[in-house]
Amino acid sequence: LLAIAVAPEENVTVVALQNELGLTTDELSFYMNRLD
């Protein structure tokens, strides 16, 4: 997320984020909610 914030011109999709982290949709939501 920090990398995305410092390079906002790069469009990162949710699918790309999931693939990079090896997470499912539910897992990504869980971790985003936890950080929140």
PDB file of all heavy atoms in Angstrom:
ATOM      1  N   LEU A   1       0.826  -1.209   0.000  1.00  0.00           N
ATOM      2  CA  LEU A   1       0.000   0.000   0.000  1.00  0.00           C
ATOM      3  C   LEU A   1       0.861   1.261   0.000  1.00  0.00           C
ATOM      4  O   LEU A   1       0.528   2.250  -0.666  1.00  0.00           O
ATOM      5  CB  LEU A   1      -0.946   0.001   1.195  1.00  0.00           C
ATOM      6  CG  LEU A   1      -2.020  -1.095   1.211  1.00  0.00           C
ATOM      7  CD1 LEU A   1      -2.822  -1.029   2.501  1.00  0.00           C
ATOM      8  CD2 LEU A   1      -2.916  -1.022  -0.013  1.00  0.00           C
ATOM      9  N   LEU A   2       1.968   1.229   0.724  1.00  0.00           N
ATOM     10  CA  LEU A   2       2.893   2.367   0.706  1.00  0.00           C
ATOM     11  C   LEU A   2       3.484   2.568  -0.688  1.00  0.00           C
ATOM     12  O   LEU A   2       3.620   3.703  -1.152  1.00  0.00           O
ATOM     13  CB  LEU A   2       4.005   2.176   1.736  1.00  0.00           C
ATOM     14  CG  LEU A   2       3.605   2.404   3.188  1.00  0.00           C
ATOM     15  CD1 LEU A   2       4.671   1.853   4.124  1.00  0.00           C
ATOM     16  CD2 LEU A   2       3.372   3.878   3.443  1.00  0.00           C
ATOM     17  N   ALA A   3       3.833   1.471  -1.354  1.00  0.00           N
ATOM     18  CA  ALA A   3       4.368   1.563  -2.720  1.00  0.00           C
ATOM     19  C   ALA A   3       3.335   2.164  -3.664  1.00  0.00           C
ATOM     20  O   ALA A   3       3.673   2.980  -4.533  1.00  0.00           O
ATOM     21  CB  ALA A   3       4.813   0.185  -3.206  1.00  0.00           C
ATOM     22  N   ILE A   4       2.077   1.779  -3.492  1.00  0.00           N
ATOM     23  CA  ILE A   4       1.008   2.346  -4.322  1.00  0.00           C
ATOM     24  C   ILE A   4       0.860   3.838  -4.034  1.00  0.00           C
ATOM     25  O   ILE A   4       0.684   4.645  -4.948  1.00  0.00           O
ATOM     26  CB  ILE A   4      -0.320   1.603  -4.069  1.00  0.00           C
ATOM     27  CG1 ILE A   4      -0.222   0.163  -4.598  1.00  0.00           C
ATOM     28  CG2 ILE A   4      -1.495   2.336  -4.701  1.00  0.00           C
ATOM     29  CD1 ILE A   4      -1.366  -0.735  -4.167  1.00  0.00           C
ATOM     30  N   ALA A   5       0.955   4.215  -2.772  1.00  0.00           N
ATOM     31  CA  ALA A   5       0.785   5.614  -2.387  1.00  0.00           C
ATOM     32  C   ALA A   5       1.879   6.513  -2.951  1.00  0.00           C
ATOM     33  O   ALA A   5       1.614   7.666  -3.296  1.00  0.00           O
ATOM     34  CB  ALA A   5       0.747   5.738  -0.865  1.00  0.00           C
ATOM     35  N   VAL A   6       3.096   6.015  -3.048  1.00  0.00           N
ATOM     36  CA  VAL A   6       4.187   6.856  -3.557  1.00  0.00           C
ATOM     37  C   VAL A   6       4.274   6.852  -5.076  1.00  0.00           C
ATOM     38  O   VAL A   6       4.992   7.660  -5.650  1.00  0.00           O
ATOM     39  CB  VAL A   6       5.563   6.481  -2.947  1.00  0.00           C
ATOM     40  CG1 VAL A   6       5.554   6.675  -1.446  1.00  0.00           C
ATOM     41  CG2 VAL A   6       5.979   5.077  -3.310  1.00  0.00           C
ATOM     42  N   ALA A   7       3.540   5.960  -5.714  1.00  0.00           N
ATOM     43  CA  ALA A   7       3.501   5.922  -7.182  1.00  0.00           C
ATOM     44  C   ALA A   7       2.049   5.842  -7.651  1.00  0.00           C
ATOM     45  O   ALA A   7       1.636   4.861  -8.268  1.00  0.00           O
ATOM     46  CB  ALA A   7       4.316   4.749  -7.705  1.00  0.00           C
ATOM     47  N   PRO A   8       1.253   6.882  -7.354  1.00  0.00           N
ATOM     48  CA  PRO A   8      -0.179   6.815  -7.675  1.00  0.00           C
ATOM     49  C   PRO A   8      -0.481   6.782  -9.168  1.00  0.00           C
ATOM     50  O   PRO A   8      -1.576   6.405  -9.568  1.00  0.00           O
ATOM     51  CB  PRO A   8      -0.742   8.082  -7.027  1.00  0.00           C
ATOM     52  CG  PRO A   8       0.410   9.016  -6.941  1.00  0.00           C
ATOM     53  CD  PRO A   8       1.610   8.138  -6.743  1.00  0.00           C
ATOM     54  N   GLU A   9       0.503   7.148  -9.988  1.00  0.00           N
ATOM     55  CA  GLU A   9       0.274   7.119 -11.439  1.00  0.00           C
ATOM     56  C   GLU A   9       0.194   5.693 -11.975  1.00  0.00           C
ATOM     57  O   GLU A   9      -0.322   5.458 -13.054  1.00  0.00           O
ATOM     58  CB  GLU A   9       1.358   7.910 -12.178  1.00  0.00           C
ATOM     59  CG  GLU A   9       2.757   7.329 -12.099  1.00  0.00           C
ATOM     60  CD  GLU A   9       3.501   7.648 -10.807  1.00  0.00           C
ATOM     61  OE1 GLU A   9       3.005   8.407  -9.968  1.00  0.00           O
ATOM     62  OE2 GLU A   9       4.605   7.120 -10.643  1.00  0.00           O
ATOM     63  N   GLU A  10       0.695   4.733 -11.207  1.00  0.00           N
ATOM     64  CA  GLU A  10       0.597   3.332 -11.611  1.00  0.00           C
ATOM     65  C   GLU A  10      -0.737   2.782 -11.145  1.00  0.00           C
ATOM     66  O   GLU A  10      -1.039   2.789  -9.965  1.00  0.00           O
ATOM     67  CB  GLU A  10       1.741   2.520 -11.005  1.00  0.00           C
ATOM     68  CG  GLU A  10       3.092   2.881 -11.569  1.00  0.00           C
ATOM     69  CD  GLU A  10       4.176   1.968 -11.039  1.00  0.00           C
ATOM     70  OE1 GLU A  10       3.902   0.788 -10.790  1.00  0.00           O
ATOM     71  OE2 GLU A  10       5.292   2.467 -10.880  1.00  0.00           O
ATOM     72  N   ASN A  11      -1.539   2.335 -12.089  1.00  0.00           N
ATOM     73  CA  ASN A  11      -2.852   1.802 -11.770  1.00  0.00           C
ATOM     74  C   ASN A  11      -2.711   0.340 -11.341  1.00  0.00           C
ATOM     75  O   ASN A  11      -2.314  -0.506 -12.118  1.00  0.00           O
ATOM     76  CB  ASN A  11      -3.770   1.923 -12.994  1.00  0.00           C
ATOM     77  CG  ASN A  11      -5.194   1.572 -12.653  1.00  0.00           C
ATOM     78  OD1 ASN A  11      -5.577   1.515 -11.487  1.00  0.00           O
ATOM     79  ND2 ASN A  11      -5.995   1.344 -13.674  1.00  0.00           N
ATOM     80  N   VAL A  12      -3.010   0.056 -10.080  1.00  0.00           N
ATOM     81  CA  VAL A  12      -2.912  -1.294  -9.542  1.00  0.00           C
ATOM     82  C   VAL A  12      -4.320  -1.812  -9.327  1.00  0.00           C
ATOM     83  O   VAL A  12      -5.101  -1.212  -8.586  1.00  0.00           O
ATOM     84  CB  VAL A  12      -2.126  -1.324  -8.215  1.00  0.00           C
ATOM     85  CG1 VAL A  12      -2.068  -2.729  -7.653  1.00  0.00           C
ATOM     86  CG2 VAL A  12      -0.738  -0.755  -8.410  1.00  0.00           C
ATOM     87  N   THR A  13      -4.647  -2.919  -9.958  1.00  0.00           N
ATOM     88  CA  THR A  13      -5.980  -3.485  -9.802  1.00  0.00           C
ATOM     89  C   THR A  13      -6.037  -4.358  -8.553  1.00  0.00           C
ATOM     90  O   THR A  13      -5.008  -4.795  -8.030  1.00  0.00           O
ATOM     91  CB  THR A  13      -6.360  -4.348 -11.020  1.00  0.00           C
ATOM     92  OG1 THR A  13      -5.499  -5.491 -11.066  1.00  0.00           O
ATOM     93  CG2 THR A  13      -6.259  -3.558 -12.318  1.00  0.00           C
ATOM     94  N   VAL A  14      -7.239  -4.616  -8.111  1.00  0.00           N
ATOM     95  CA  VAL A  14      -7.444  -5.496  -6.963  1.00  0.00           C
ATOM     96  C   VAL A  14      -6.916  -6.887  -7.277  1.00  0.00           C
ATOM     97  O   VAL A  14      -6.268  -7.517  -6.437  1.00  0.00           O
ATOM     98  CB  VAL A  14      -8.938  -5.544  -6.565  1.00  0.00           C
ATOM     99  CG1 VAL A  14      -9.193  -6.599  -5.506  1.00  0.00           C
ATOM    100  CG2 VAL A  14      -9.400  -4.185  -6.078  1.00  0.00           C
ATOM    101  N   VAL A  15      -7.162  -7.353  -8.484  1.00  0.00           N
ATOM    102  CA  VAL A  15      -6.682  -8.679  -8.881  1.00  0.00           C
ATOM    103  C   VAL A  15      -5.158  -8.729  -8.847  1.00  0.00           C
ATOM    104  O   VAL A  15      -4.571  -9.694  -8.353  1.00  0.00           O
ATOM    105  CB  VAL A  15      -7.218  -9.058 -10.287  1.00  0.00           C
ATOM    106  CG1 VAL A  15      -6.585 -10.345 -10.787  1.00  0.00           C
ATOM    107  CG2 VAL A  15      -8.739  -9.182 -10.246  1.00  0.00           C
ATOM    108  N   ALA A  16      -4.506  -7.681  -9.322  1.00  0.00           N
ATOM    109  CA  ALA A  16      -3.042  -7.641  -9.281  1.00  0.00           C
ATOM    110  C   ALA A  16      -2.545  -7.647  -7.840  1.00  0.00           C
ATOM    111  O   ALA A  16      -1.566  -8.324  -7.514  1.00  0.00           O
ATOM    112  CB  ALA A  16      -2.523  -6.417 -10.022  1.00  0.00           C
ATOM    113  N   LEU A  17      -3.219  -6.907  -6.990  1.00  0.00           N
ATOM    114  CA  LEU A  17      -2.859  -6.871  -5.573  1.00  0.00           C
ATOM    115  C   LEU A  17      -3.036  -8.246  -4.938  1.00  0.00           C
ATOM    116  O   LEU A  17      -2.158  -8.731  -4.223  1.00  0.00           O
ATOM    117  CB  LEU A  17      -3.716  -5.828  -4.854  1.00  0.00           C
ATOM    118  CG  LEU A  17      -3.435  -5.543  -3.395  1.00  0.00           C
ATOM    119  CD1 LEU A  17      -1.997  -5.083  -3.194  1.00  0.00           C
ATOM    120  CD2 LEU A  17      -4.400  -4.497  -2.865  1.00  0.00           C
ATOM    121  N   GLN A  18      -4.144  -8.899  -5.226  1.00  0.00           N
ATOM    122  CA  GLN A  18      -4.379 -10.249  -4.713  1.00  0.00           C
ATOM    123  C   GLN A  18      -3.310 -11.216  -5.213  1.00  0.00           C
ATOM    124  O   GLN A  18      -2.789 -12.023  -4.433  1.00  0.00           O
ATOM    125  CB  GLN A  18      -5.760 -10.755  -5.148  1.00  0.00           C
ATOM    126  CG  GLN A  18      -6.907 -10.113  -4.426  1.00  0.00           C
ATOM    127  CD  GLN A  18      -8.225 -10.584  -4.972  1.00  0.00           C
ATOM    128  OE1 GLN A  18      -8.865  -9.877  -5.728  1.00  0.00           O
ATOM    129  NE2 GLN A  18      -8.620 -11.782  -4.610  1.00  0.00           N
ATOM    130  N   ASN A  19      -2.992 -11.141  -6.484  1.00  0.00           N
ATOM    131  CA  ASN A  19      -1.978 -12.037  -7.051  1.00  0.00           C
ATOM    132  C   ASN A  19      -0.608 -11.796  -6.433  1.00  0.00           C
ATOM    133  O   ASN A  19       0.120 -12.743  -6.135  1.00  0.00           O
ATOM    134  CB  ASN A  19      -1.912 -11.878  -8.570  1.00  0.00           C
ATOM    135  CG  ASN A  19      -3.123 -12.439  -9.266  1.00  0.00           C
ATOM    136  OD1 ASN A  19      -3.859 -13.252  -8.706  1.00  0.00           O
ATOM    137  ND2 ASN A  19      -3.362 -11.990 -10.480  1.00  0.00           N
ATOM    138  N   GLU A  20      -0.253 -10.535  -6.247  1.00  0.00           N
ATOM    139  CA  GLU A  20       1.050 -10.200  -5.668  1.00  0.00           C
ATOM    140  C   GLU A  20       1.176 -10.741  -4.247  1.00  0.00           C
ATOM    141  O   GLU A  20       2.235 -11.225  -3.836  1.00  0.00           O
ATOM    142  CB  GLU A  20       1.252  -8.686  -5.658  1.00  0.00           C
ATOM    143  CG  GLU A  20       2.589  -8.262  -5.096  1.00  0.00           C
ATOM    144  CD  GLU A  20       2.802  -6.761  -5.166  1.00  0.00           C
ATOM    145  OE1 GLU A  20       2.184  -6.092  -6.007  1.00  0.00           O
ATOM    146  OE2 GLU A  20       3.606  -6.266  -4.362  1.00  0.00           O
ATOM    147  N   LEU A  21       0.081 -10.671  -3.503  1.00  0.00           N
ATOM    148  CA  LEU A  21       0.102 -11.097  -2.108  1.00  0.00           C
ATOM    149  C   LEU A  21      -0.315 -12.552  -1.912  1.00  0.00           C
ATOM    150  O   LEU A  21      -0.190 -13.087  -0.810  1.00  0.00           O
ATOM    151  CB  LEU A  21      -0.809 -10.188  -1.275  1.00  0.00           C
ATOM    152  CG  LEU A  21      -0.426  -8.710  -1.271  1.00  0.00           C
ATOM    153  CD1 LEU A  21      -1.510  -7.882  -0.613  1.00  0.00           C
ATOM    154  CD2 LEU A  21       0.911  -8.514  -0.574  1.00  0.00           C
ATOM    155  N   GLY A  22      -0.845 -13.175  -2.964  1.00  0.00           N
ATOM    156  CA  GLY A  22      -1.305 -14.551  -2.852  1.00  0.00           C
ATOM    157  C   GLY A  22      -2.538 -14.685  -1.976  1.00  0.00           C
ATOM    158  O   GLY A  22      -2.664 -15.653  -1.223  1.00  0.00           O
ATOM    159  N   LEU A  23      -3.448 -13.714  -2.078  1.00  0.00           N
ATOM    160  CA  LEU A  23      -4.645 -13.705  -1.246  1.00  0.00           C
ATOM    161  C   LEU A  23      -5.903 -13.874  -2.083  1.00  0.00           C
ATOM    162  O   LEU A  23      -5.959 -13.445  -3.226  1.00  0.00           O
ATOM    163  CB  LEU A  23      -4.756 -12.375  -0.487  1.00  0.00           C
ATOM    164  CG  LEU A  23      -3.631 -12.018   0.472  1.00  0.00           C
ATOM    165  CD1 LEU A  23      -3.835 -10.614   1.022  1.00  0.00           C
ATOM    166  CD2 LEU A  23      -3.542 -13.030   1.593  1.00  0.00           C
ATOM    167  N   THR A  24      -6.922 -14.474  -1.470  1.00  0.00           N
ATOM    168  CA  THR A  24      -8.235 -14.522  -2.091  1.00  0.00           C
ATOM    169  C   THR A  24      -8.952 -13.207  -1.829  1.00  0.00           C
ATOM    170  O   THR A  24      -8.483 -12.370  -1.038  1.00  0.00           O
ATOM    171  CB  THR A  24      -9.082 -15.667  -1.502  1.00  0.00           C
ATOM    172  OG1 THR A  24      -9.354 -15.371  -0.122  1.00  0.00           O
ATOM    173  CG2 THR A  24      -8.383 -17.012  -1.623  1.00  0.00           C
ATOM    174  N   THR A  25     -10.096 -13.025  -2.450  1.00  0.00           N
ATOM    175  CA  THR A  25     -10.893 -11.821  -2.223  1.00  0.00           C
ATOM    176  C   THR A  25     -11.269 -11.686  -0.753  1.00  0.00           C
ATOM    177  O   THR A  25     -11.151 -10.607  -0.170  1.00  0.00           O
ATOM    178  CB  THR A  25     -12.168 -11.864  -3.092  1.00  0.00           C
ATOM    179  OG1 THR A  25     -11.778 -11.953  -4.465  1.00  0.00           O
ATOM    180  CG2 THR A  25     -13.029 -10.641  -2.886  1.00  0.00           C
ATOM    181  N   ASP A  26     -11.716 -12.781  -0.161  1.00  0.00           N
ATOM    182  CA  ASP A  26     -12.097 -12.747   1.258  1.00  0.00           C
ATOM    183  C   ASP A  26     -10.907 -12.425   2.154  1.00  0.00           C
ATOM    184  O   ASP A  26     -11.034 -11.662   3.116  1.00  0.00           O
ATOM    185  CB  ASP A  26     -12.703 -14.090   1.686  1.00  0.00           C
ATOM    186  CG  ASP A  26     -14.080 -14.338   1.083  1.00  0.00           C
ATOM    187  OD1 ASP A  26     -14.710 -13.375   0.603  1.00  0.00           O
ATOM    188  OD2 ASP A  26     -14.518 -15.504   1.097  1.00  0.00           O
ATOM    189  N   GLU A  27      -9.760 -12.998   1.847  1.00  0.00           N
ATOM    190  CA  GLU A  27      -8.565 -12.738   2.658  1.00  0.00           C
ATOM    191  C   GLU A  27      -8.117 -11.289   2.546  1.00  0.00           C
ATOM    192  O   GLU A  27      -7.764 -10.661   3.556  1.00  0.00           O
ATOM    193  CB  GLU A  27      -7.425 -13.677   2.241  1.00  0.00           C
ATOM    194  CG  GLU A  27      -7.670 -15.125   2.603  1.00  0.00           C
ATOM    195  CD  GLU A  27      -6.676 -16.072   1.951  1.00  0.00           C
ATOM    196  OE1 GLU A  27      -6.146 -15.764   0.860  1.00  0.00           O
ATOM    197  OE2 GLU A  27      -6.446 -17.140   2.540  1.00  0.00           O
ATOM    198  N   LEU A  28      -8.142 -10.743   1.337  1.00  0.00           N
ATOM    199  CA  LEU A  28      -7.754  -9.340   1.157  1.00  0.00           C
ATOM    200  C   LEU A  28      -8.696  -8.438   1.949  1.00  0.00           C
ATOM    201  O   LEU A  28      -8.251  -7.518   2.635  1.00  0.00           O
ATOM    202  CB  LEU A  28      -7.746  -8.954  -0.317  1.00  0.00           C
ATOM    203  CG  LEU A  28      -7.357  -7.509  -0.627  1.00  0.00           C
ATOM    204  CD1 LEU A  28      -5.971  -7.174  -0.087  1.00  0.00           C
ATOM    205  CD2 LEU A  28      -7.427  -7.249  -2.128  1.00  0.00           C
ATOM    206  N   SER A  29      -9.990  -8.695   1.883  1.00  0.00           N
ATOM    207  CA  SER A  29     -10.956  -7.917   2.656  1.00  0.00           C
ATOM    208  C   SER A  29     -10.685  -8.035   4.146  1.00  0.00           C
ATOM    209  O   SER A  29     -10.735  -7.043   4.879  1.00  0.00           O
ATOM    210  CB  SER A  29     -12.386  -8.378   2.355  1.00  0.00           C
ATOM    211  OG  SER A  29     -12.746  -8.065   1.039  1.00  0.00           O
ATOM    212  N   PHE A  30     -10.388  -9.240   4.609  1.00  0.00           N
ATOM    213  CA  PHE A  30     -10.088  -9.458   6.017  1.00  0.00           C
ATOM    214  C   PHE A  30      -8.895  -8.615   6.459  1.00  0.00           C
ATOM    215  O   PHE A  30      -8.953  -7.926   7.486  1.00  0.00           O
ATOM    216  CB  PHE A  30      -9.810 -10.940   6.284  1.00  0.00           C
ATOM    217  CG  PHE A  30      -9.288 -11.205   7.672  1.00  0.00           C
ATOM    218  CD1 PHE A  30     -10.145 -11.297   8.748  1.00  0.00           C
ATOM    219  CD2 PHE A  30      -7.919 -11.345   7.897  1.00  0.00           C
ATOM    220  CE1 PHE A  30      -9.664 -11.527  10.031  1.00  0.00           C
ATOM    221  CE2 PHE A  30      -7.427 -11.575   9.178  1.00  0.00           C
ATOM    222  CZ  PHE A  30      -8.298 -11.664  10.246  1.00  0.00           C
ATOM    223  N   TYR A  31      -7.813  -8.665   5.697  1.00  0.00           N
ATOM    224  CA  TYR A  31      -6.608  -7.931   6.074  1.00  0.00           C
ATOM    225  C   TYR A  31      -6.784  -6.417   5.958  1.00  0.00           C
ATOM    226  O   TYR A  31      -6.259  -5.660   6.780  1.00  0.00           O
ATOM    227  CB  TYR A  31      -5.391  -8.421   5.284  1.00  0.00           C
ATOM    228  CG  TYR A  31      -4.911  -9.760   5.771  1.00  0.00           C
ATOM    229  CD1 TYR A  31      -5.025 -10.895   4.989  1.00  0.00           C
ATOM    230  CD2 TYR A  31      -4.358  -9.898   7.041  1.00  0.00           C
ATOM    231  CE1 TYR A  31      -4.601 -12.132   5.453  1.00  0.00           C
ATOM    232  CE2 TYR A  31      -3.933 -11.125   7.515  1.00  0.00           C
ATOM    233  CZ  TYR A  31      -4.053 -12.239   6.722  1.00  0.00           C
ATOM    234  OH  TYR A  31      -3.639 -13.462   7.192  1.00  0.00           O
ATOM    235  N   MET A  32      -7.523  -5.962   4.955  1.00  0.00           N
ATOM    236  CA  MET A  32      -7.792  -4.524   4.849  1.00  0.00           C
ATOM    237  C   MET A  32      -8.633  -4.072   6.048  1.00  0.00           C
ATOM    238  O   MET A  32      -8.365  -3.017   6.626  1.00  0.00           O
ATOM    239  CB  MET A  32      -8.500  -4.204   3.531  1.00  0.00           C
ATOM    240  CG  MET A  32      -7.640  -4.434   2.299  1.00  0.00           C
ATOM    241  SD  MET A  32      -6.214  -3.325   2.171  1.00  0.00           S
ATOM    242  CE  MET A  32      -7.011  -1.806   1.689  1.00  0.00           C
ATOM    243  N   ASN A  33      -9.617  -4.868   6.423  1.00  0.00           N
ATOM    244  CA  ASN A  33     -10.436  -4.534   7.594  1.00  0.00           C
ATOM    245  C   ASN A  33      -9.595  -4.534   8.870  1.00  0.00           C
ATOM    246  O   ASN A  33      -9.802  -3.712   9.762  1.00  0.00           O
ATOM    247  CB  ASN A  33     -11.614  -5.501   7.733  1.00  0.00           C
ATOM    248  CG  ASN A  33     -12.708  -5.217   6.744  1.00  0.00           C
ATOM    249  OD1 ASN A  33     -12.921  -4.082   6.336  1.00  0.00           O
ATOM    250  ND2 ASN A  33     -13.414  -6.255   6.338  1.00  0.00           N
ATOM    251  N   ARG A  34      -8.665  -5.454   8.959  1.00  0.00           N
ATOM    252  CA  ARG A  34      -7.805  -5.510  10.150  1.00  0.00           C
ATOM    253  C   ARG A  34      -6.931  -4.250  10.241  1.00  0.00           C
ATOM    254  O   ARG A  34      -6.797  -3.663  11.308  1.00  0.00           O
ATOM    255  CB  ARG A  34      -6.936  -6.762  10.109  1.00  0.00           C
ATOM    256  CG  ARG A  34      -5.920  -6.804  11.224  1.00  0.00           C
ATOM    257  CD  ARG A  34      -5.932  -8.066  12.016  1.00  0.00           C
ATOM    258  NE  ARG A  34      -4.696  -8.195  12.772  1.00  0.00           N
ATOM    259  CZ  ARG A  34      -4.524  -7.686  13.995  1.00  0.00           C
ATOM    260  NH1 ARG A  34      -5.488  -7.038  14.587  1.00  0.00           N
ATOM    261  NH2 ARG A  34      -3.376  -7.843  14.614  1.00  0.00           N
ATOM    262  N   LEU A  35      -6.352  -3.830   9.117  1.00  0.00           N
ATOM    263  CA  LEU A  35      -5.550  -2.603   9.121  1.00  0.00           C
ATOM    264  C   LEU A  35      -6.415  -1.391   9.462  1.00  0.00           C
ATOM    265  O   LEU A  35      -5.962  -0.475  10.150  1.00  0.00           O
ATOM    266  CB  LEU A  35      -4.855  -2.412   7.771  1.00  0.00           C
ATOM    267  CG  LEU A  35      -3.811  -3.472   7.397  1.00  0.00           C
ATOM    268  CD1 LEU A  35      -3.231  -3.172   6.017  1.00  0.00           C
ATOM    269  CD2 LEU A  35      -2.717  -3.579   8.442  1.00  0.00           C
ATOM    270  N   ASP A  36      -7.652  -1.409   9.003  1.00  0.00           N
ATOM    271  CA  ASP A  36      -8.600  -0.348   9.348  1.00  0.00           C
ATOM    272  C   ASP A  36      -8.886  -0.385  10.851  1.00  0.00           C
ATOM    273  O   ASP A  36      -8.841   0.644  11.533  1.00  0.00           O
ATOM    274  CB  ASP A  36      -9.883  -0.528   8.545  1.00  0.00           C
ATOM    275  CG  ASP A  36     -10.820   0.666   8.611  1.00  0.00           C
ATOM    276  OD1 ASP A  36     -10.584   1.592   9.416  1.00  0.00           O
ATOM    277  OD2 ASP A  36     -11.803   0.663   7.860  1.00  0.00           O
TER     278      ASP A  36
END
